[in-house]
């Protein structure tokens, strides 16, 4: 079923039906997460986003003491 959802997404993308391609891609992703191979995917994505957030937060919130930035 995952394979057919990916093929359907590819066909929709080829004929430029964006909504159909997105829907079939989401269906394939949900089906993949439901398998034992994709069981760890949500925690892996959460861990990656946590690492990106931890690396980006100091850079985004840093203010230069000599600047006239408000905040």
PDB file of N, CA and C in Angstrom:
ATOM      1  N   UNK A   1       0.810  -1.183   0.000  1.00  0.00           N
ATOM      2  CA  UNK A   1       0.000   0.000   0.000  1.00  0.00           C
ATOM      3  C   UNK A   1       0.866   1.263   0.000  1.00  0.00           C
ATOM      4  N   UNK A   2       1.997   1.180   0.696  1.00  0.00           N
ATOM      5  CA  UNK A   2       2.905   2.333   0.708  1.00  0.00           C
ATOM      6  C   UNK A   2       3.427   2.595  -0.698  1.00  0.00           C
ATOM      7  N   UNK A   3       3.806   1.534  -1.382  1.00  0.00           N
ATOM      8  CA  UNK A   3       4.308   1.670  -2.747  1.00  0.00           C
ATOM      9  C   UNK A   3       3.267   2.301  -3.669  1.00  0.00           C
ATOM     10  N   UNK A   4       2.016   1.842  -3.561  1.00  0.00           N
ATOM     11  CA  UNK A   4       0.962   2.394  -4.416  1.00  0.00           C
ATOM     12  C   UNK A   4       0.682   3.856  -4.085  1.00  0.00           C
ATOM     13  N   UNK A   5       0.764   4.224  -2.813  1.00  0.00           N
ATOM     14  CA  UNK A   5       0.569   5.624  -2.438  1.00  0.00           C
ATOM     15  C   UNK A   5       1.687   6.490  -3.007  1.00  0.00           C
ATOM     16  N   UNK A   6       2.921   5.985  -2.982  1.00  0.00           N
ATOM     17  CA  UNK A   6       4.037   6.741  -3.559  1.00  0.00           C
ATOM     18  C   UNK A   6       3.920   6.849  -5.076  1.00  0.00           C
ATOM     19  N   UNK A   7       3.484   5.781  -5.722  1.00  0.00           N
ATOM     20  CA  UNK A   7       3.276   5.826  -7.176  1.00  0.00           C
ATOM     21  C   UNK A   7       2.171   6.819  -7.518  1.00  0.00           C
ATOM     22  N   UNK A   8       1.103   6.817  -6.741  1.00  0.00           N
ATOM     23  CA  UNK A   8       0.008   7.756  -6.979  1.00  0.00           C
ATOM     24  C   UNK A   8       0.481   9.197  -6.762  1.00  0.00           C
ATOM     25  N   UNK A   9       1.311   9.418  -5.741  1.00  0.00           N
ATOM     26  CA  UNK A   9       1.858  10.762  -5.514  1.00  0.00           C
ATOM     27  C   UNK A   9       2.737  11.190  -6.679  1.00  0.00           C
ATOM     28  N   UNK A  10       3.527  10.265  -7.203  1.00  0.00           N
ATOM     29  CA  UNK A  10       4.381  10.565  -8.359  1.00  0.00           C
ATOM     30  C   UNK A  10       3.543  10.905  -9.586  1.00  0.00           C
ATOM     31  N   UNK A  11       2.492  10.139  -9.805  1.00  0.00           N
ATOM     32  CA  UNK A  11       1.625  10.411 -10.960  1.00  0.00           C
ATOM     33  C   UNK A  11       0.947  11.769 -10.813  1.00  0.00           C
ATOM     34  N   UNK A  12       0.466  12.060  -9.601  1.00  0.00           N
ATOM     35  CA  UNK A  12      -0.163  13.370  -9.382  1.00  0.00           C
ATOM     36  C   UNK A  12       0.837  14.503  -9.586  1.00  0.00           C
ATOM     37  N   UNK A  13       2.069  14.296  -9.171  1.00  0.00           N
ATOM     38  CA  UNK A  13       3.084  15.333  -9.350  1.00  0.00           C
ATOM     39  C   UNK A  13       3.418  15.520 -10.831  1.00  0.00           C
ATOM     40  N   UNK A  14       3.433  14.433 -11.592  1.00  0.00           N
ATOM     41  CA  UNK A  14       3.728  14.531 -13.025  1.00  0.00           C
ATOM     42  C   UNK A  14       2.661  15.302 -13.773  1.00  0.00           C
ATOM     43  N   UNK A  15       1.403  15.142 -13.369  1.00  0.00           N
ATOM     44  CA  UNK A  15       0.317  15.848 -14.053  1.00  0.00           C
ATOM     45  C   UNK A  15      -0.015  17.165 -13.351  1.00  0.00           C
ATOM     46  N   UNK A  16       0.829  17.560 -12.411  1.00  0.00           N
ATOM     47  CA  UNK A  16       0.749  18.842 -11.696  1.00  0.00           C
ATOM     48  C   UNK A  16      -0.550  19.019 -10.905  1.00  0.00           C
ATOM     49  N   UNK A  17      -0.949  17.945 -10.213  1.00  0.00           N
ATOM     50  CA  UNK A  17      -2.070  18.025  -9.278  1.00  0.00           C
ATOM     51  C   UNK A  17      -1.446  18.010  -7.884  1.00  0.00           C
ATOM     52  N   UNK A  18      -1.124  19.197  -7.394  1.00  0.00           N
ATOM     53  CA  UNK A  18      -0.352  19.314  -6.156  1.00  0.00           C
ATOM     54  C   UNK A  18      -1.113  18.754  -4.965  1.00  0.00           C
ATOM     55  N   UNK A  19      -2.382  19.052  -4.849  1.00  0.00           N
ATOM     56  CA  UNK A  19      -3.160  18.587  -3.700  1.00  0.00           C
ATOM     57  C   UNK A  19      -3.183  17.059  -3.633  1.00  0.00           C
ATOM     58  N   UNK A  20      -3.355  16.417  -4.764  1.00  0.00           N
ATOM     59  CA  UNK A  20      -3.353  14.957  -4.789  1.00  0.00           C
ATOM     60  C   UNK A  20      -2.005  14.385  -4.406  1.00  0.00           C
ATOM     61  N   UNK A  21      -0.939  15.004  -4.882  1.00  0.00           N
ATOM     62  CA  UNK A  21       0.403  14.528  -4.540  1.00  0.00           C
ATOM     63  C   UNK A  21       0.667  14.668  -3.051  1.00  0.00           C
ATOM     64  N   UNK A  22       0.227  15.764  -2.464  1.00  0.00           N
ATOM     65  CA  UNK A  22       0.426  15.964  -1.016  1.00  0.00           C
ATOM     66  C   UNK A  22      -0.387  14.949  -0.222  1.00  0.00           C
ATOM     67  N   UNK A  23      -1.624  14.734  -0.619  1.00  0.00           N
ATOM     68  CA  UNK A  23      -2.474  13.783   0.102  1.00  0.00           C
ATOM     69  C   UNK A  23      -1.892  12.375   0.029  1.00  0.00           C
ATOM     70  N   UNK A  24      -1.480  11.931  -1.146  1.00  0.00           N
ATOM     71  CA  UNK A  24      -0.917  10.587  -1.269  1.00  0.00           C
ATOM     72  C   UNK A  24       0.418  10.463  -0.536  1.00  0.00           C
ATOM     73  N   UNK A  25       1.194  11.534  -0.479  1.00  0.00           N
ATOM     74  CA  UNK A  25       2.451  11.490   0.260  1.00  0.00           C
ATOM     75  C   UNK A  25       2.183  11.376   1.751  1.00  0.00           C
ATOM     76  N   UNK A  26       1.205  12.104   2.250  1.00  0.00           N
ATOM     77  CA  UNK A  26       0.855  12.002   3.671  1.00  0.00           C
ATOM     78  C   UNK A  26       0.323  10.612   3.995  1.00  0.00           C
ATOM     79  N   UNK A  27      -0.484  10.047   3.107  1.00  0.00           N
ATOM     80  CA  UNK A  27      -0.984   8.686   3.317  1.00  0.00           C
ATOM     81  C   UNK A  27       0.184   7.700   3.372  1.00  0.00           C
ATOM     82  N   UNK A  28       1.139   7.834   2.468  1.00  0.00           N
ATOM     83  CA  UNK A  28       2.300   6.939   2.474  1.00  0.00           C
ATOM     84  C   UNK A  28       3.110   7.110   3.750  1.00  0.00           C
ATOM     85  N   UNK A  29       3.266   8.344   4.223  1.00  0.00           N
ATOM     86  CA  UNK A  29       4.020   8.586   5.450  1.00  0.00           C
ATOM     87  C   UNK A  29       3.318   7.977   6.656  1.00  0.00           C
ATOM     88  N   UNK A  30       2.001   8.135   6.731  1.00  0.00           N
ATOM     89  CA  UNK A  30       1.250   7.549   7.843  1.00  0.00           C
ATOM     90  C   UNK A  30       1.340   6.026   7.812  1.00  0.00           C
ATOM     91  N   UNK A  31       1.228   5.450   6.635  1.00  0.00           N
ATOM     92  CA  UNK A  31       1.355   3.993   6.528  1.00  0.00           C
ATOM     93  C   UNK A  31       2.755   3.531   6.904  1.00  0.00           C
ATOM     94  N   UNK A  32       3.788   4.299   6.540  1.00  0.00           N
ATOM     95  CA  UNK A  32       5.155   3.922   6.865  1.00  0.00           C
ATOM     96  C   UNK A  32       5.412   4.000   8.364  1.00  0.00           C
ATOM     97  N   UNK A  33       4.888   5.027   9.012  1.00  0.00           N
ATOM     98  CA  UNK A  33       5.084   5.168  10.460  1.00  0.00           C
ATOM     99  C   UNK A  33       4.397   4.035  11.207  1.00  0.00           C
ATOM    100  N   UNK A  34       3.351   3.493  10.637  1.00  0.00           N
ATOM    101  CA  UNK A  34       2.647   2.382  11.257  1.00  0.00           C
ATOM    102  C   UNK A  34       3.381   1.059  11.170  1.00  0.00           C
ATOM    103  N   UNK A  35       4.432   0.975  10.385  1.00  0.00           N
ATOM    104  CA  UNK A  35       5.193  -0.264  10.257  1.00  0.00           C
ATOM    105  C   UNK A  35       6.290  -0.326  11.319  1.00  0.00           C
ATOM    106  N   UNK A  36       6.816  -1.501  11.599  1.00  0.00           N
ATOM    107  CA  UNK A  36       7.923  -1.582  12.566  1.00  0.00           C
ATOM    108  C   UNK A  36       9.176  -0.823  12.109  1.00  0.00           C
ATOM    109  N   UNK A  37       9.407  -0.752  10.813  1.00  0.00           N
ATOM    110  CA  UNK A  37      10.591  -0.032  10.322  1.00  0.00           C
ATOM    111  C   UNK A  37      10.466   1.467  10.544  1.00  0.00           C
ATOM    112  N   UNK A  38       9.270   2.000  10.463  1.00  0.00           N
ATOM    113  CA  UNK A  38       9.076   3.431  10.626  1.00  0.00           C
ATOM    114  C   UNK A  38       8.628   3.835  12.016  1.00  0.00           C
ATOM    115  N   UNK A  39       8.644   2.888  12.949  1.00  0.00           N
ATOM    116  CA  UNK A  39       8.167   3.148  14.297  1.00  0.00           C
ATOM    117  C   UNK A  39       8.996   4.215  15.010  1.00  0.00           C
ATOM    118  N   UNK A  40      10.283   4.283  14.749  1.00  0.00           N
ATOM    119  CA  UNK A  40      11.146   5.241  15.419  1.00  0.00           C
ATOM    120  C   UNK A  40      11.236   6.587  14.724  1.00  0.00           C
ATOM    121  N   UNK A  41      10.547   6.752  13.604  1.00  0.00           N
ATOM    122  CA  UNK A  41      10.637   7.993  12.835  1.00  0.00           C
ATOM    123  C   UNK A  41      10.158   9.226  13.609  1.00  0.00           C
ATOM    124  N   UNK A  42       9.025   9.198  14.301  1.00  0.00           N
ATOM    125  CA  UNK A  42       8.605  10.395  15.023  1.00  0.00           C
ATOM    126  C   UNK A  42       9.605  10.839  16.086  1.00  0.00           C
ATOM    127  N   UNK A  43      10.184   9.908  16.827  1.00  0.00           N
ATOM    128  CA  UNK A  43      11.168  10.287  17.849  1.00  0.00           C
ATOM    129  C   UNK A  43      12.460  10.788  17.209  1.00  0.00           C
ATOM    130  N   UNK A  44      12.833  10.249  16.051  1.00  0.00           N
ATOM    131  CA  UNK A  44      14.030  10.727  15.369  1.00  0.00           C
ATOM    132  C   UNK A  44      13.839  12.146  14.864  1.00  0.00           C
ATOM    133  N   UNK A  45      12.674  12.445  14.323  1.00  0.00           N
ATOM    134  CA  UNK A  45      12.378  13.804  13.847  1.00  0.00           C
ATOM    135  C   UNK A  45      12.340  14.769  15.023  1.00  0.00           C
ATOM    136  N   UNK A  46      11.729  14.357  16.137  1.00  0.00           N
ATOM    137  CA  UNK A  46      11.666  15.216  17.322  1.00  0.00           C
ATOM    138  C   UNK A  46      13.064  15.484  17.868  1.00  0.00           C
ATOM    139  N   UNK A  47      13.918  14.485  17.878  1.00  0.00           N
ATOM    140  CA  UNK A  47      15.290  14.661  18.348  1.00  0.00           C
ATOM    141  C   UNK A  47      16.067  15.605  17.437  1.00  0.00           C
ATOM    142  N   UNK A  48      15.887  15.473  16.143  1.00  0.00           N
ATOM    143  CA  UNK A  48      16.555  16.356  15.191  1.00  0.00           C
ATOM    144  C   UNK A  48      16.094  17.801  15.353  1.00  0.00           C
ATOM    145  N   UNK A  49      14.783  18.007  15.475  1.00  0.00           N
ATOM    146  CA  UNK A  49      14.265  19.361  15.642  1.00  0.00           C
ATOM    147  C   UNK A  49      14.705  19.970  16.969  1.00  0.00           C
ATOM    148  N   UNK A  50      14.826  19.151  18.011  1.00  0.00           N
ATOM    149  CA  UNK A  50      15.314  19.650  19.298  1.00  0.00           C
ATOM    150  C   UNK A  50      16.771  20.092  19.177  1.00  0.00           C
ATOM    151  N   UNK A  51      17.585  19.340  18.446  1.00  0.00           N
ATOM    152  CA  UNK A  51      18.985  19.717  18.243  1.00  0.00           C
ATOM    153  C   UNK A  51      19.106  21.002  17.428  1.00  0.00           C
ATOM    154  N   UNK A  52      18.292  21.143  16.388  1.00  0.00           N
ATOM    155  CA  UNK A  52      18.307  22.363  15.582  1.00  0.00           C
ATOM    156  C   UNK A  52      17.852  23.558  16.419  1.00  0.00           C
ATOM    157  N   UNK A  53      16.823  23.374  17.234  1.00  0.00           N
ATOM    158  CA  UNK A  53      16.334  24.449  18.086  1.00  0.00           C
ATOM    159  C   UNK A  53      17.387  24.846  19.111  1.00  0.00           C
ATOM    160  N   UNK A  54      18.066  23.872  19.691  1.00  0.00           N
ATOM    161  CA  UNK A  54      19.113  24.174  20.663  1.00  0.00           C
ATOM    162  C   UNK A  54      20.286  24.907  20.046  1.00  0.00           C
ATOM    163  N   UNK A  55      20.587  24.610  18.795  1.00  0.00           N
ATOM    164  CA  UNK A  55      21.700  25.281  18.124  1.00  0.00           C
ATOM    165  C   UNK A  55      21.314  26.670  17.631  1.00  0.00           C
ATOM    166  N   UNK A  56      20.062  26.872  17.257  1.00  0.00           N
ATOM    167  CA  UNK A  56      19.648  28.142  16.669  1.00  0.00           C
ATOM    168  C   UNK A  56      19.208  29.170  17.709  1.00  0.00           C
ATOM    169  N   UNK A  57      18.719  28.741  18.846  1.00  0.00           N
ATOM    170  CA  UNK A  57      18.178  29.681  19.832  1.00  0.00           C
ATOM    171  C   UNK A  57      19.211  30.685  20.324  1.00  0.00           C
ATOM    172  N   UNK A  58      20.437  30.284  20.706  1.00  0.00           N
ATOM    173  CA  UNK A  58      21.398  31.296  21.163  1.00  0.00           C
ATOM    174  C   UNK A  58      21.750  32.311  20.078  1.00  0.00           C
ATOM    175  N   UNK A  59      21.805  31.885  18.856  1.00  0.00           N
ATOM    176  CA  UNK A  59      22.144  32.789  17.753  1.00  0.00           C
ATOM    177  C   UNK A  59      21.011  33.775  17.500  1.00  0.00           C
ATOM    178  N   UNK A  60      19.785  33.296  17.585  1.00  0.00           N
ATOM    179  CA  UNK A  60      18.638  34.145  17.288  1.00  0.00           C
ATOM    180  C   UNK A  60      18.312  35.121  18.412  1.00  0.00           C
ATOM    181  N   UNK A  61      18.650  34.778  19.650  1.00  0.00           N
ATOM    182  CA  UNK A  61      18.309  35.647  20.780  1.00  0.00           C
ATOM    183  C   UNK A  61      19.477  36.483  21.266  1.00  0.00           C
ATOM    184  N   UNK A  62      20.647  36.329  20.677  1.00  0.00           N
ATOM    185  CA  UNK A  62      21.823  37.077  21.091  1.00  0.00           C
ATOM    186  C   UNK A  62      21.691  38.532  20.671  1.00  0.00           C
ATOM    187  N   UNK A  63      21.925  39.442  21.630  1.00  0.00           N
ATOM    188  CA  UNK A  63      21.935  40.882  21.313  1.00  0.00           C
ATOM    189  C   UNK A  63      23.312  41.422  21.601  1.00  0.00           C
ATOM    190  N   UNK A  64      23.744  42.327  20.788  1.00  0.00           N
ATOM    191  CA  UNK A  64      25.043  42.972  20.948  1.00  0.00           C
ATOM    192  C   UNK A  64      24.905  44.099  21.976  1.00  0.00           C
ATOM    193  N   UNK A  65      25.709  44.106  23.039  1.00  0.00           N
ATOM    194  CA  UNK A  65      25.552  45.139  24.066  1.00  0.00           C
ATOM    195  C   UNK A  65      25.784  46.557  23.528  1.00  0.00           C
ATOM    196  N   UNK A  66      26.555  46.718  22.494  1.00  0.00           N
ATOM    197  CA  UNK A  66      26.834  48.030  21.945  1.00  0.00           C
ATOM    198  C   UNK A  66      25.804  48.502  20.939  1.00  0.00           C
ATOM    199  N   UNK A  67      24.884  47.635  20.541  1.00  0.00           N
ATOM    200  CA  UNK A  67      23.908  48.033  19.534  1.00  0.00           C
ATOM    201  C   UNK A  67      22.735  48.754  20.188  1.00  0.00           C
ATOM    202  N   UNK A  68      21.928  49.349  19.400  1.00  0.00           N
ATOM    203  CA  UNK A  68      20.770  50.062  19.904  1.00  0.00           C
ATOM    204  C   UNK A  68      19.523  49.215  19.736  1.00  0.00           C
ATOM    205  N   UNK A  69      19.693  47.898  19.824  1.00  0.00           N
ATOM    206  CA  UNK A  69      18.551  46.993  19.669  1.00  0.00           C
ATOM    207  C   UNK A  69      17.628  47.096  20.871  1.00  0.00           C
ATOM    208  N   UNK A  70      16.361  47.045  20.598  1.00  0.00           N
ATOM    209  CA  UNK A  70      15.363  47.100  21.662  1.00  0.00           C
ATOM    210  C   UNK A  70      15.041  45.680  22.072  1.00  0.00           C
ATOM    211  N   UNK A  71      14.981  45.416  23.343  1.00  0.00           N
ATOM    212  CA  UNK A  71      14.594  44.086  23.778  1.00  0.00           C
ATOM    213  C   UNK A  71      15.477  43.597  24.788  1.00  0.00           C
TER     214      UNK A  71
END
